[in-house]
Amino acid sequence: MNRHRKLRIGVKYCGGCNPSYDRVALVKRMEKTLVKKAEFISFQEENVDLVLVVCGCETGCVDTRVFEVPVHLVSSIPDGDRFVERLIREASPETVRLLVKMA
């Protein structure tokens, strides 16, 4: 793989039954911060490196077993901030599986 290729992050939102923060605003902020490292796309797109499941609360009820790529759950703004910080430091498409295992 090309080391300089952007990480393709597929975004999957929960159903939004009990959100405690603005999930869409968080993803937009993450996308803006990571513009040089990653592209945020639908989880249904092809060639996704990682699925980012954005949960509105701590329950995290999204079934992640359906995904064939690494999955990372975010259930709060601090979770999103930590995910961004790790990607800034370490992420490339080659290292994403390691990052998700450390989550």
Foldseek 3Di string as FASTA:
>chain_A
DDQQDAAEEAEAEDPPPDAPDDQVVLVVVLCVLCVRHHDYHHPPDPPHLEYEYEYRAPPPPDDPPVDPHHYDYDHDSVSSVVVSVCCVPDDTSVCPVVVSVVD
